[in-house]
C-alpha cells in the first residue's frame, strides 16, 4: 500500500520556500543555482521539488516564455503556524504548556529569551 503524502515540508522543500520568501519569485534555474551554492543540485531536482511544492499548495507558478517562475502561495508565518500545529499535535498532545515546559527544561534557552517571553505574556494579558 502506498504511503500517504505528507503536507509537511522536507528539508529541501523548506530551503526552496525560504528562497521564495526572500526573493518573491524565482525561476527553476535561479533556484537550482542558489541550492547549488550549498551542494550540487540538478535543474531537474529543483524542478521536481518545485512541482511538489505546488502539489502541496505551498507555491504557485506562472510561465514566462520557456521559464517557469515560482512564488510562495503561503506566507512564512502561516507555514510556521501549520508546522507548530503539527508539532503540538504529534508530540505534545495539543498542549502549548507541555511544549513551553519542554523548551524551558530540555533546551538551552537563554534567560534573556525567557524574560522576553514573559514580557510578551504580560502584554497579552492587557
PDB file of N, CA and C in Angstrom:
ATOM      1  N   UNK A   1       0.843  -1.182   0.000  1.00  0.00           N
ATOM      2  CA  UNK A   1       0.000   0.000   0.000  1.00  0.00           C
ATOM      3  C   UNK A   1       0.890   1.248   0.000  1.00  0.00           C
ATOM      4  N   UNK A   2       0.517   2.216  -0.786  1.00  0.00           N
ATOM      5  CA  UNK A   2       1.294   3.459  -0.890  1.00  0.00           C
ATOM      6  C   UNK A   2       1.173   4.279   0.386  1.00  0.00           C
ATOM      7  N   UNK A   3       2.266   4.936   0.725  1.00  0.00           N
ATOM      8  CA  UNK A   3       2.290   5.790   1.905  1.00  0.00           C
ATOM      9  C   UNK A   3       1.548   7.084   1.613  1.00  0.00           C
ATOM     10  N   UNK A   4       0.821   7.590   2.603  1.00  0.00           N
ATOM     11  CA  UNK A   4       0.093   8.854   2.457  1.00  0.00           C
ATOM     12  C   UNK A   4       1.085  10.005   2.285  1.00  0.00           C
ATOM     13  N   UNK A   5       0.813  10.882   1.329  1.00  0.00           N
ATOM     14  CA  UNK A   5       1.692  12.027   1.100  1.00  0.00           C
ATOM     15  C   UNK A   5       1.594  13.006   2.265  1.00  0.00           C
ATOM     16  N   UNK A   6       2.736  13.465   2.700  1.00  0.00           N
ATOM     17  CA  UNK A   6       2.794  14.399   3.818  1.00  0.00           C
ATOM     18  C   UNK A   6       2.649  15.836   3.336  1.00  0.00           C
ATOM     19  N   UNK A   7       1.925  16.629   4.090  1.00  0.00           N
ATOM     20  CA  UNK A   7       1.818  18.058   3.805  1.00  0.00           C
ATOM     21  C   UNK A   7       2.986  18.824   4.427  1.00  0.00           C
ATOM     22  N   UNK A   8       3.741  18.157   5.292  1.00  0.00           N
ATOM     23  CA  UNK A   8       4.897  18.797   5.907  1.00  0.00           C
ATOM     24  C   UNK A   8       6.004  18.944   4.878  1.00  0.00           C
ATOM     25  N   UNK A   9       6.828  19.950   5.062  1.00  0.00           N
ATOM     26  CA  UNK A   9       7.929  20.211   4.140  1.00  0.00           C
ATOM     27  C   UNK A   9       9.158  19.383   4.501  1.00  0.00           C
ATOM     28  N   UNK A  10       9.794  18.832   3.480  1.00  0.00           N
ATOM     29  CA  UNK A  10      11.094  18.198   3.683  1.00  0.00           C
ATOM     30  C   UNK A  10      12.128  19.318   3.828  1.00  0.00           C
ATOM     31  N   UNK A  11      13.342  18.951   4.195  1.00  0.00           N
ATOM     32  CA  UNK A  11      14.399  19.958   4.330  1.00  0.00           C
ATOM     33  C   UNK A  11      14.650  20.676   3.001  1.00  0.00           C
ATOM     34  N   UNK A  12      14.668  19.917   1.910  1.00  0.00           N
ATOM     35  CA  UNK A  12      14.923  20.525   0.597  1.00  0.00           C
ATOM     36  C   UNK A  12      13.779  21.451   0.188  1.00  0.00           C
ATOM     37  N   UNK A  13      12.550  21.040   0.443  1.00  0.00           N
ATOM     38  CA  UNK A  13      11.393  21.887   0.139  1.00  0.00           C
ATOM     39  C   UNK A  13      11.416  23.154   0.981  1.00  0.00           C
ATOM     40  N   UNK A  14      11.809  23.007   2.236  1.00  0.00           N
ATOM     41  CA  UNK A  14      11.913  24.157   3.136  1.00  0.00           C
ATOM     42  C   UNK A  14      12.949  25.151   2.617  1.00  0.00           C
ATOM     43  N   UNK A  15      14.056  24.650   2.106  1.00  0.00           N
ATOM     44  CA  UNK A  15      15.089  25.528   1.536  1.00  0.00           C
ATOM     45  C   UNK A  15      14.539  26.342   0.373  1.00  0.00           C
ATOM     46  N   UNK A  16      13.775  25.688  -0.486  1.00  0.00           N
ATOM     47  CA  UNK A  16      13.199  26.391  -1.633  1.00  0.00           C
ATOM     48  C   UNK A  16      12.183  27.418  -1.161  1.00  0.00           C
ATOM     49  N   UNK A  17      11.362  27.059  -0.200  1.00  0.00           N
ATOM     50  CA  UNK A  17      10.378  28.023   0.316  1.00  0.00           C
ATOM     51  C   UNK A  17      11.089  29.230   0.910  1.00  0.00           C
ATOM     52  N   UNK A  18      12.188  29.008   1.612  1.00  0.00           N
ATOM     53  CA  UNK A  18      12.958  30.114   2.183  1.00  0.00           C
ATOM     54  C   UNK A  18      13.431  31.049   1.078  1.00  0.00           C
ATOM     55  N   UNK A  19      13.898  30.469  -0.015  1.00  0.00           N
ATOM     56  CA  UNK A  19      14.326  31.277  -1.163  1.00  0.00           C
ATOM     57  C   UNK A  19      13.156  32.076  -1.738  1.00  0.00           C
ATOM     58  N   UNK A  20      12.010  31.426  -1.872  1.00  0.00           N
ATOM     59  CA  UNK A  20      10.841  32.110  -2.435  1.00  0.00           C
ATOM     60  C   UNK A  20      10.368  33.235  -1.513  1.00  0.00           C
ATOM     61  N   UNK A  21      10.419  33.023  -0.209  1.00  0.00           N
ATOM     62  CA  UNK A  21      10.045  34.085   0.729  1.00  0.00           C
ATOM     63  C   UNK A  21      11.023  35.252   0.645  1.00  0.00           C
ATOM     64  N   UNK A  22      12.288  34.961   0.438  1.00  0.00           N
ATOM     65  CA  UNK A  22      13.302  36.010   0.368  1.00  0.00           C
ATOM     66  C   UNK A  22      13.282  36.764  -0.961  1.00  0.00           C
ATOM     67  N   UNK A  23      13.033  36.036  -2.052  1.00  0.00           N
ATOM     68  CA  UNK A  23      13.163  36.631  -3.385  1.00  0.00           C
ATOM     69  C   UNK A  23      11.830  36.888  -4.084  1.00  0.00           C
ATOM     70  N   UNK A  24      10.737  36.513  -3.478  1.00  0.00           N
ATOM     71  CA  UNK A  24       9.390  36.693  -4.004  1.00  0.00           C
ATOM     72  C   UNK A  24       9.075  35.761  -5.164  1.00  0.00           C
ATOM     73  N   UNK A  25       9.868  35.801  -6.226  1.00  0.00           N
ATOM     74  CA  UNK A  25       9.595  34.959  -7.394  1.00  0.00           C
ATOM     75  C   UNK A  25      10.927  34.555  -8.007  1.00  0.00           C
ATOM     76  N   UNK A  26      11.027  33.267  -8.363  1.00  0.00           N
ATOM     77  CA  UNK A  26      12.278  32.767  -8.930  1.00  0.00           C
ATOM     78  C   UNK A  26      12.004  31.713  -9.993  1.00  0.00           C
ATOM     79  N   UNK A  27      12.908  31.636 -10.951  1.00  0.00           N
ATOM     80  CA  UNK A  27      12.839  30.572 -11.951  1.00  0.00           C
ATOM     81  C   UNK A  27      13.487  29.315 -11.367  1.00  0.00           C
ATOM     82  N   UNK A  28      13.191  28.185 -11.986  1.00  0.00           N
ATOM     83  CA  UNK A  28      13.810  26.936 -11.551  1.00  0.00           C
ATOM     84  C   UNK A  28      15.328  27.033 -11.679  1.00  0.00           C
ATOM     85  N   UNK A  29      15.792  27.674 -12.728  1.00  0.00           N
ATOM     86  CA  UNK A  29      17.241  27.840 -12.942  1.00  0.00           C
ATOM     87  C   UNK A  29      17.861  28.625 -11.780  1.00  0.00           C
ATOM     88  N   UNK A  30      17.203  29.696 -11.353  1.00  0.00           N
ATOM     89  CA  UNK A  30      17.707  30.505 -10.230  1.00  0.00           C
ATOM     90  C   UNK A  30      17.684  29.706  -8.932  1.00  0.00           C
ATOM     91  N   UNK A  31      16.622  28.943  -8.742  1.00  0.00           N
ATOM     92  CA  UNK A  31      16.505  28.118  -7.528  1.00  0.00           C
ATOM     93  C   UNK A  31      17.622  27.081  -7.503  1.00  0.00           C
ATOM     94  N   UNK A  32      17.825  26.394  -8.620  1.00  0.00           N
ATOM     95  CA  UNK A  32      18.886  25.380  -8.695  1.00  0.00           C
ATOM     96  C   UNK A  32      20.250  26.005  -8.425  1.00  0.00           C
ATOM     97  N   UNK A  33      20.488  27.196  -8.959  1.00  0.00           N
ATOM     98  CA  UNK A  33      21.772  27.876  -8.744  1.00  0.00           C
ATOM     99  C   UNK A  33      21.966  28.215  -7.262  1.00  0.00           C
ATOM    100  N   UNK A  34      20.937  28.703  -6.612  1.00  0.00           N
ATOM    101  CA  UNK A  34      21.047  29.035  -5.178  1.00  0.00           C
ATOM    102  C   UNK A  34      21.274  27.780  -4.342  1.00  0.00           C
ATOM    103  N   UNK A  35      20.540  26.719  -4.646  1.00  0.00           N
ATOM    104  CA  UNK A  35      20.715  25.469  -3.901  1.00  0.00           C
ATOM    105  C   UNK A  35      22.110  24.891  -4.120  1.00  0.00           C
ATOM    106  N   UNK A  36      22.641  25.064  -5.328  1.00  0.00           N
ATOM    107  CA  UNK A  36      23.968  24.526  -5.666  1.00  0.00           C
ATOM    108  C   UNK A  36      25.100  25.238  -4.933  1.00  0.00           C
ATOM    109  N   UNK A  37      24.815  26.401  -4.360  1.00  0.00           N
ATOM    110  CA  UNK A  37      25.842  27.084  -3.565  1.00  0.00           C
ATOM    111  C   UNK A  37      26.194  26.277  -2.326  1.00  0.00           C
ATOM    112  N   UNK A  38      25.232  25.485  -1.828  1.00  0.00           N
ATOM    113  CA  UNK A  38      25.464  24.657  -0.641  1.00  0.00           C
ATOM    114  C   UNK A  38      25.896  23.246  -1.022  1.00  0.00           C
ATOM    115  N   UNK A  39      25.264  22.697  -2.064  1.00  0.00           N
ATOM    116  CA  UNK A  39      25.593  21.358  -2.552  1.00  0.00           C
ATOM    117  C   UNK A  39      25.090  21.253  -3.982  1.00  0.00           C
ATOM    118  N   UNK A  40      25.750  20.474  -4.818  1.00  0.00           N
ATOM    119  CA  UNK A  40      25.320  20.370  -6.221  1.00  0.00           C
ATOM    120  C   UNK A  40      23.859  19.944  -6.317  1.00  0.00           C
ATOM    121  N   UNK A  41      23.077  20.710  -7.068  1.00  0.00           N
ATOM    122  CA  UNK A  41      21.658  20.417  -7.253  1.00  0.00           C
ATOM    123  C   UNK A  41      21.325  20.517  -8.736  1.00  0.00           C
ATOM    124  N   UNK A  42      20.829  19.428  -9.295  1.00  0.00           N
ATOM    125  CA  UNK A  42      20.476  19.409 -10.706  1.00  0.00           C
ATOM    126  C   UNK A  42      19.222  20.240 -10.954  1.00  0.00           C
ATOM    127  N   UNK A  43      19.145  20.803 -12.125  1.00  0.00           N
ATOM    128  CA  UNK A  43      17.967  21.575 -12.542  1.00  0.00           C
ATOM    129  C   UNK A  43      16.707  20.726 -12.393  1.00  0.00           C
ATOM    130  N   UNK A  44      16.785  19.462 -12.821  1.00  0.00           N
ATOM    131  CA  UNK A  44      15.601  18.599 -12.762  1.00  0.00           C
ATOM    132  C   UNK A  44      15.177  18.307 -11.323  1.00  0.00           C
ATOM    133  N   UNK A  45      16.131  18.261 -10.412  1.00  0.00           N
ATOM    134  CA  UNK A  45      15.807  18.065  -8.995  1.00  0.00           C
ATOM    135  C   UNK A  45      15.055  19.275  -8.464  1.00  0.00           C
ATOM    136  N   UNK A  46      15.552  20.461  -8.766  1.00  0.00           N
ATOM    137  CA  UNK A  46      14.872  21.690  -8.342  1.00  0.00           C
ATOM    138  C   UNK A  46      13.476  21.764  -8.957  1.00  0.00           C
ATOM    139  N   UNK A  47      13.366  21.376 -10.210  1.00  0.00           N
ATOM    140  CA  UNK A  47      12.076  21.398 -10.903  1.00  0.00           C
ATOM    141  C   UNK A  47      11.079  20.448 -10.222  1.00  0.00           C
ATOM    142  N   UNK A  48      11.525  19.260  -9.892  1.00  0.00           N
ATOM    143  CA  UNK A  48      10.667  18.281  -9.213  1.00  0.00           C
ATOM    144  C   UNK A  48      10.221  18.795  -7.852  1.00  0.00           C
ATOM    145  N   UNK A  49      11.151  19.369  -7.101  1.00  0.00           N
ATOM    146  CA  UNK A  49      10.810  19.901  -5.778  1.00  0.00           C
ATOM    147  C   UNK A  49       9.804  21.049  -5.895  1.00  0.00           C
ATOM    148  N   UNK A  50       9.954  21.883  -6.914  1.00  0.00           N
ATOM    149  CA  UNK A  50       9.001  22.978  -7.127  1.00  0.00           C
ATOM    150  C   UNK A  50       7.611  22.439  -7.446  1.00  0.00           C
ATOM    151  N   UNK A  51       7.547  21.392  -8.264  1.00  0.00           N
ATOM    152  CA  UNK A  51       6.251  20.773  -8.576  1.00  0.00           C
ATOM    153  C   UNK A  51       5.596  20.205  -7.329  1.00  0.00           C
ATOM    154  N   UNK A  52       6.407  19.592  -6.471  1.00  0.00           N
ATOM    155  CA  UNK A  52       5.884  19.041  -5.216  1.00  0.00           C
ATOM    156  C   UNK A  52       5.321  20.161  -4.351  1.00  0.00           C
ATOM    157  N   UNK A  53       6.021  21.299  -4.283  1.00  0.00           N
ATOM    158  CA  UNK A  53       5.527  22.442  -3.506  1.00  0.00           C
ATOM    159  C   UNK A  53       4.201  22.953  -4.051  1.00  0.00           C
ATOM    160  N   UNK A  54       4.037  22.921  -5.358  1.00  0.00           N
ATOM    161  CA  UNK A  54       2.757  23.308  -5.966  1.00  0.00           C
ATOM    162  C   UNK A  54       1.688  22.295  -5.582  1.00  0.00           C
ATOM    163  N   UNK A  55       2.021  21.001  -5.662  1.00  0.00           N
ATOM    164  CA  UNK A  55       1.067  19.950  -5.291  1.00  0.00           C
ATOM    165  C   UNK A  55       0.639  20.059  -3.830  1.00  0.00           C
ATOM    166  N   UNK A  56       1.572  20.454  -2.973  1.00  0.00           N
ATOM    167  CA  UNK A  56       1.274  20.617  -1.550  1.00  0.00           C
ATOM    168  C   UNK A  56       0.581  21.943  -1.257  1.00  0.00           C
ATOM    169  N   UNK A  57       0.426  22.776  -2.283  1.00  0.00           N
ATOM    170  CA  UNK A  57      -0.252  24.073  -2.175  1.00  0.00           C
ATOM    171  C   UNK A  57       0.558  25.121  -1.403  1.00  0.00           C
ATOM    172  N   UNK A  58       1.878  24.950  -1.386  1.00  0.00           N
ATOM    173  CA  UNK A  58       2.756  25.935  -0.762  1.00  0.00           C
ATOM    174  C   UNK A  58       3.223  26.988  -1.760  1.00  0.00           C
ATOM    175  N   UNK A  59       3.244  26.625  -3.041  1.00  0.00           N
ATOM    176  CA  UNK A  59       3.756  27.529  -4.070  1.00  0.00           C
ATOM    177  C   UNK A  59       2.844  27.499  -5.287  1.00  0.00           C
ATOM    178  N   UNK A  60       3.032  28.507  -6.127  1.00  0.00           N
ATOM    179  CA  UNK A  60       2.323  28.558  -7.399  1.00  0.00           C
ATOM    180  C   UNK A  60       3.316  29.014  -8.454  1.00  0.00           C
ATOM    181  N   UNK A  61       2.948  28.872  -9.715  1.00  0.00           N
ATOM    182  CA  UNK A  61       3.877  29.240 -10.780  1.00  0.00           C
ATOM    183  C   UNK A  61       3.123  29.901 -11.925  1.00  0.00           C
ATOM    184  N   UNK A  62       3.921  30.558 -12.731  1.00  0.00           N
ATOM    185  CA  UNK A  62       3.426  31.098 -13.995  1.00  0.00           C
ATOM    186  C   UNK A  62       4.520  30.865 -15.020  1.00  0.00           C
ATOM    187  N   UNK A  63       4.101  30.806 -16.261  1.00  0.00           N
ATOM    188  CA  UNK A  63       5.065  30.574 -17.333  1.00  0.00           C
ATOM    189  C   UNK A  63       5.370  31.898 -18.001  1.00  0.00           C
ATOM    190  N   UNK A  64       6.659  32.161 -18.171  1.00  0.00           N
ATOM    191  CA  UNK A  64       7.109  33.360 -18.876  1.00  0.00           C
ATOM    192  C   UNK A  64       8.097  32.905 -19.941  1.00  0.00           C
ATOM    193  N   UNK A  65       7.651  32.922 -21.189  1.00  0.00           N
ATOM    194  CA  UNK A  65       8.483  32.363 -22.251  1.00  0.00           C
ATOM    195  C   UNK A  65       8.604  30.873 -22.025  1.00  0.00           C
ATOM    196  N   UNK A  66       9.831  30.404 -21.961  1.00  0.00           N
ATOM    197  CA  UNK A  66      10.066  28.980 -21.701  1.00  0.00           C
ATOM    198  C   UNK A  66      10.300  28.688 -20.221  1.00  0.00           C
ATOM    199  N   UNK A  67      10.414  29.737 -19.420  1.00  0.00           N
ATOM    200  CA  UNK A  67      10.738  29.560 -17.996  1.00  0.00           C
ATOM    201  C   UNK A  67       9.474  29.485 -17.144  1.00  0.00           C
ATOM    202  N   UNK A  68       9.564  28.690 -16.093  1.00  0.00           N
ATOM    203  CA  UNK A  68       8.519  28.646 -15.084  1.00  0.00           C
ATOM    204  C   UNK A  68       9.002  29.451 -13.889  1.00  0.00           C
ATOM    205  N   UNK A  69       8.204  30.417 -13.479  1.00  0.00           N
ATOM    206  CA  UNK A  69       8.543  31.258 -12.334  1.00  0.00           C
ATOM    207  C   UNK A  69       7.663  30.855 -11.157  1.00  0.00           C
ATOM    208  N   UNK A  70       8.309  30.565 -10.040  1.00  0.00           N
ATOM    209  CA  UNK A  70       7.603  30.102  -8.846  1.00  0.00           C
ATOM    210  C   UNK A  70       7.591  31.192  -7.787  1.00  0.00           C
ATOM    211  N   UNK A  71       6.503  31.217  -7.028  1.00  0.00           N
ATOM    212  CA  UNK A  71       6.438  32.103  -5.869  1.00  0.00           C
ATOM    213  C   UNK A  71       5.648  31.417  -4.770  1.00  0.00           C
ATOM    214  N   UNK A  72       5.897  31.848  -3.554  1.00  0.00           N
ATOM    215  CA  UNK A  72       5.218  31.260  -2.402  1.00  0.00           C
ATOM    216  C   UNK A  72       3.734  31.590  -2.456  1.00  0.00           C
ATOM    217  N   UNK A  73       2.924  30.605  -2.154  1.00  0.00           N
ATOM    218  CA  UNK A  73       1.475  30.796  -2.100  1.00  0.00           C
ATOM    219  C   UNK A  73       1.025  30.978  -0.650  1.00  0.00           C
ATOM    220  N   UNK A  74       1.889  30.600   0.264  1.00  0.00           N
ATOM    221  CA  UNK A  74       1.608  30.671   1.687  1.00  0.00           C
ATOM    222  C   UNK A  74       2.696  31.519   2.341  1.00  0.00           C
ATOM    223  N   UNK A  75       2.314  32.337   3.283  1.00  0.00           N
ATOM    224  CA  UNK A  75       3.299  33.183   3.960  1.00  0.00           C
ATOM    225  C   UNK A  75       4.152  32.343   4.905  1.00  0.00           C
ATOM    226  N   UNK A  76       5.306  32.875   5.241  1.00  0.00           N
ATOM    227  CA  UNK A  76       6.180  32.179   6.175  1.00  0.00           C
ATOM    228  C   UNK A  76       5.491  32.032   7.531  1.00  0.00           C
ATOM    229  N   UNK A  77       4.746  33.046   7.920  1.00  0.00           N
ATOM    230  CA  UNK A  77       4.024  33.000   9.189  1.00  0.00           C
ATOM    231  C   UNK A  77       2.986  31.871   9.194  1.00  0.00           C
ATOM    232  N   UNK A  78       2.241  31.736   8.101  1.00  0.00           N
ATOM    233  CA  UNK A  78       1.242  30.665   8.023  1.00  0.00           C
ATOM    234  C   UNK A  78       1.904  29.287   7.992  1.00  0.00           C
ATOM    235  N   UNK A  79       3.042  29.186   7.334  1.00  0.00           N
ATOM    236  CA  UNK A  79       3.775  27.917   7.308  1.00  0.00           C
ATOM    237  C   UNK A  79       4.247  27.553   8.718  1.00  0.00           C
ATOM    238  N   UNK A  80       4.709  28.545   9.459  1.00  0.00           N
ATOM    239  CA  UNK A  80       5.131  28.302  10.844  1.00  0.00           C
ATOM    240  C   UNK A  80       3.962  27.837  11.698  1.00  0.00           C
ATOM    241  N   UNK A  81       2.808  28.483  11.518  1.00  0.00           N
ATOM    242  CA  UNK A  81       1.614  28.088  12.281  1.00  0.00           C
ATOM    243  C   UNK A  81       1.246  26.634  12.000  1.00  0.00           C
ATOM    244  N   UNK A  82       1.293  26.257  10.726  1.00  0.00           N
ATOM    245  CA  UNK A  82       0.970  24.881  10.364  1.00  0.00           C
ATOM    246  C   UNK A  82       1.952  23.884  10.947  1.00  0.00           C
ATOM    247  N   UNK A  83       3.236  24.212  10.865  1.00  0.00           N
ATOM    248  CA  UNK A  83       4.266  23.320  11.403  1.00  0.00           C
ATOM    249  C   UNK A  83       4.142  23.199  12.921  1.00  0.00           C
ATOM    250  N   UNK A  84       3.879  24.318  13.576  1.00  0.00           N
ATOM    251  CA  UNK A  84       3.715  24.299  15.033  1.00  0.00           C
ATOM    252  C   UNK A  84       2.490  23.486  15.432  1.00  0.00           C
ATOM    253  N   UNK A  85       1.419  23.633  14.693  1.00  0.00           N
ATOM    254  CA  UNK A  85       0.203  22.874  14.965  1.00  0.00           C
ATOM    255  C   UNK A  85       0.464  21.371  14.859  1.00  0.00           C
ATOM    256  N   UNK A  86       1.210  20.984  13.827  1.00  0.00           N
ATOM    257  CA  UNK A  86       1.557  19.576  13.654  1.00  0.00           C
ATOM    258  C   UNK A  86       2.447  19.092  14.790  1.00  0.00           C
ATOM    259  N   UNK A  87       3.428  19.904  15.158  1.00  0.00           N
ATOM    260  CA  UNK A  87       4.329  19.566  16.253  1.00  0.00           C
ATOM    261  C   UNK A  87       3.555  19.390  17.564  1.00  0.00           C
ATOM    262  N   UNK A  88       2.685  20.334  17.849  1.00  0.00           N
ATOM    263  CA  UNK A  88       1.879  20.249  19.071  1.00  0.00           C
ATOM    264  C   UNK A  88       1.025  18.985  19.082  1.00  0.00           C
ATOM    265  N   UNK A  89       0.414  18.692  17.954  1.00  0.00           N
ATOM    266  CA  UNK A  89      -0.466  17.533  17.854  1.00  0.00           C
ATOM    267  C   UNK A  89       0.297  16.219  17.992  1.00  0.00           C
ATOM    268  N   UNK A  90       1.411  16.086  17.285  1.00  0.00           N
ATOM    269  CA  UNK A  90       2.146  14.821  17.256  1.00  0.00           C
ATOM    270  C   UNK A  90       2.920  14.526  18.537  1.00  0.00           C
ATOM    271  N   UNK A  91       3.504  15.562  19.130  1.00  0.00           N
ATOM    272  CA  UNK A  91       4.432  15.314  20.229  1.00  0.00           C
ATOM    273  C   UNK A  91       4.002  15.843  21.594  1.00  0.00           C
ATOM    274  N   UNK A  92       3.031  16.738  21.615  1.00  0.00           N
ATOM    275  CA  UNK A  92       2.691  17.373  22.885  1.00  0.00           C
ATOM    276  C   UNK A  92       1.199  17.319  23.208  1.00  0.00           C
ATOM    277  N   UNK A  93       0.474  16.411  22.586  1.00  0.00           N
ATOM    278  CA  UNK A  93      -0.945  16.233  22.894  1.00  0.00           C
ATOM    279  C   UNK A  93      -1.746  17.518  22.768  1.00  0.00           C
ATOM    280  N   UNK A  94      -1.392  18.348  21.795  1.00  0.00           N
ATOM    281  CA  UNK A  94      -2.053  19.648  21.570  1.00  0.00           C
ATOM    282  C   UNK A  94      -1.937  20.591  22.763  1.00  0.00           C
ATOM    283  N   UNK A  95      -0.894  20.427  23.554  1.00  0.00           N
ATOM    284  CA  UNK A  95      -0.707  21.252  24.745  1.00  0.00           C
ATOM    285  C   UNK A  95       0.452  22.235  24.571  1.00  0.00           C
ATOM    286  N   UNK A  96       0.143  23.524  24.359  1.00  0.00           N
ATOM    287  CA  UNK A  96       1.214  24.521  24.303  1.00  0.00           C
ATOM    288  C   UNK A  96       2.004  24.567  25.619  1.00  0.00           C
ATOM    289  N   UNK A  97       1.332  24.279  26.723  1.00  0.00           N
ATOM    290  CA  UNK A  97       2.005  24.294  28.023  1.00  0.00           C
ATOM    291  C   UNK A  97       3.110  23.239  28.073  1.00  0.00           C
ATOM    292  N   UNK A  98       2.820  22.021  27.574  1.00  0.00           N
ATOM    293  CA  UNK A  98       3.854  20.978  27.554  1.00  0.00           C
ATOM    294  C   UNK A  98       5.023  21.373  26.659  1.00  0.00           C
ATOM    295  N   UNK A  99       4.728  21.997  25.526  1.00  0.00           N
ATOM    296  CA  UNK A  99       5.789  22.477  24.639  1.00  0.00           C
ATOM    297  C   UNK A  99       6.657  23.509  25.351  1.00  0.00           C
ATOM    298  N   UNK A 100       6.018  24.465  26.010  1.00  0.00           N
ATOM    299  CA  UNK A 100       6.765  25.505  26.729  1.00  0.00           C
ATOM    300  C   UNK A 100       7.624  24.889  27.842  1.00  0.00           C
ATOM    301  N   UNK A 101       7.059  23.929  28.569  1.00  0.00           N
ATOM    302  CA  UNK A 101       7.826  23.266  29.626  1.00  0.00           C
ATOM    303  C   UNK A 101       9.041  22.545  29.047  1.00  0.00           C
ATOM    304  N   UNK A 102       8.842  21.907  27.900  1.00  0.00           N
ATOM    305  CA  UNK A 102       9.959  21.219  27.244  1.00  0.00           C
ATOM    306  C   UNK A 102      11.047  22.220  26.841  1.00  0.00           C
ATOM    307  N   UNK A 103      10.640  23.336  26.266  1.00  0.00           N
ATOM    308  CA  UNK A 103      11.621  24.338  25.842  1.00  0.00           C
ATOM    309  C   UNK A 103      12.428  24.859  27.024  1.00  0.00           C
ATOM    310  N   UNK A 104      11.770  25.079  28.144  1.00  0.00           N
ATOM    311  CA  UNK A 104      12.445  25.607  29.329  1.00  0.00           C
ATOM    312  C   UNK A 104      13.372  24.559  29.947  1.00  0.00           C
ATOM    313  N   UNK A 105      12.875  23.320  30.044  1.00  0.00           N
ATOM    314  CA  UNK A 105      13.616  22.277  30.735  1.00  0.00           C
ATOM    315  C   UNK A 105      14.702  21.626  29.885  1.00  0.00           C
ATOM    316  N   UNK A 106      14.400  21.351  28.630  1.00  0.00           N
ATOM    317  CA  UNK A 106      15.263  20.487  27.830  1.00  0.00           C
ATOM    318  C   UNK A 106      16.024  21.173  26.700  1.00  0.00           C
ATOM    319  N   UNK A 107      16.040  22.494  26.680  1.00  0.00           N
ATOM    320  CA  UNK A 107      16.814  23.192  25.657  1.00  0.00           C
ATOM    321  C   UNK A 107      17.717  24.219  26.326  1.00  0.00           C
ATOM    322  N   UNK A 108      18.561  24.809  25.545  1.00  0.00           N
ATOM    323  CA  UNK A 108      19.494  25.815  26.055  1.00  0.00           C
ATOM    324  C   UNK A 108      18.916  27.217  25.908  1.00  0.00           C
ATOM    325  N   UNK A 109      17.647  27.379  26.224  1.00  0.00           N
ATOM    326  CA  UNK A 109      17.015  28.691  26.102  1.00  0.00           C
ATOM    327  C   UNK A 109      17.680  29.646  27.094  1.00  0.00           C
ATOM    328  N   UNK A 110      17.966  30.830  26.622  1.00  0.00           N
ATOM    329  CA  UNK A 110      18.682  31.814  27.433  1.00  0.00           C
ATOM    330  C   UNK A 110      17.719  32.579  28.329  1.00  0.00           C
ATOM    331  N   UNK A 111      18.254  33.080  29.434  1.00  0.00           N
ATOM    332  CA  UNK A 111      17.466  33.856  30.385  1.00  0.00           C
ATOM    333  C   UNK A 111      16.830  35.065  29.705  1.00  0.00           C
ATOM    334  N   UNK A 112      17.588  35.715  28.808  1.00  0.00           N
ATOM    335  CA  UNK A 112      17.043  36.887  28.109  1.00  0.00           C
ATOM    336  C   UNK A 112      15.822  36.507  27.275  1.00  0.00           C
ATOM    337  N   UNK A 113      15.864  35.330  26.660  1.00  0.00           N
ATOM    338  CA  UNK A 113      14.728  34.866  25.859  1.00  0.00           C
ATOM    339  C   UNK A 113      13.514  34.603  26.749  1.00  0.00           C
ATOM    340  N   UNK A 114      13.757  34.008  27.897  1.00  0.00           N
ATOM    341  CA  UNK A 114      12.655  33.758  28.836  1.00  0.00           C
ATOM    342  C   UNK A 114      12.050  35.067  29.335  1.00  0.00           C
ATOM    343  N   UNK A 115      12.910  36.038  29.606  1.00  0.00           N
ATOM    344  CA  UNK A 115      12.420  37.346  30.048  1.00  0.00           C
ATOM    345  C   UNK A 115      11.603  38.019  28.952  1.00  0.00           C
ATOM    346  N   UNK A 116      12.046  37.889  27.725  1.00  0.00           N
ATOM    347  CA  UNK A 116      11.310  38.443  26.588  1.00  0.00           C
ATOM    348  C   UNK A 116       9.941  37.772  26.443  1.00  0.00           C
ATOM    349  N   UNK A 117       9.920  36.457  26.602  1.00  0.00           N
ATOM    350  CA  UNK A 117       8.642  35.734  26.546  1.00  0.00           C
ATOM    351  C   UNK A 117       7.714  36.180  27.665  1.00  0.00           C
ATOM    352  N   UNK A 118       8.277  36.365  28.854  1.00  0.00           N
ATOM    353  CA  UNK A 118       7.446  36.804  29.984  1.00  0.00           C
ATOM    354  C   UNK A 118       6.866  38.183  29.712  1.00  0.00           C
ATOM    355  N   UNK A 119       7.640  39.056  29.091  1.00  0.00           N
ATOM    356  CA  UNK A 119       7.153  40.386  28.719  1.00  0.00           C
ATOM    357  C   UNK A 119       5.990  40.278  27.738  1.00  0.00           C
ATOM    358  N   UNK A 120       6.131  39.392  26.759  1.00  0.00           N
ATOM    359  CA  UNK A 120       5.053  39.198  25.788  1.00  0.00           C
ATOM    360  C   UNK A 120       3.804  38.614  26.446  1.00  0.00           C
ATOM    361  N   UNK A 121       3.999  37.697  27.384  1.00  0.00           N
ATOM    362  CA  UNK A 121       2.858  37.130  28.119  1.00  0.00           C
ATOM    363  C   UNK A 121       2.151  38.224  28.924  1.00  0.00           C
ATOM    364  N   UNK A 122       2.940  39.041  29.599  1.00  0.00           N
ATOM    365  CA  UNK A 122       2.357  40.139  30.392  1.00  0.00           C
ATOM    366  C   UNK A 122       1.570  41.111  29.510  1.00  0.00           C
ATOM    367  N   UNK A 123       2.111  41.423  28.328  1.00  0.00           N
ATOM    368  CA  UNK A 123       1.415  42.343  27.408  1.00  0.00           C
ATOM    369  C   UNK A 123       0.114  41.746  26.893  1.00  0.00           C
ATOM    370  N   UNK A 124       0.090  40.441  26.703  1.00  0.00           N
ATOM    371  CA  UNK A 124      -1.111  39.795  26.163  1.00  0.00           C
ATOM    372  C   UNK A 124      -2.242  39.775  27.183  1.00  0.00           C
ATOM    373  N   UNK A 125      -1.925  39.962  28.443  1.00  0.00           N
ATOM    374  CA  UNK A 125      -2.946  39.987  29.494  1.00  0.00           C
ATOM    375  C   UNK A 125      -3.729  41.286  29.496  1.00  0.00           C
ATOM    376  N   UNK A 126      -3.147  42.348  28.936  1.00  0.00           N
ATOM    377  CA  UNK A 126      -3.783  43.662  28.948  1.00  0.00           C
ATOM    378  C   UNK A 126      -4.939  43.751  27.982  1.00  0.00           C
TER     379      UNK A 126
END
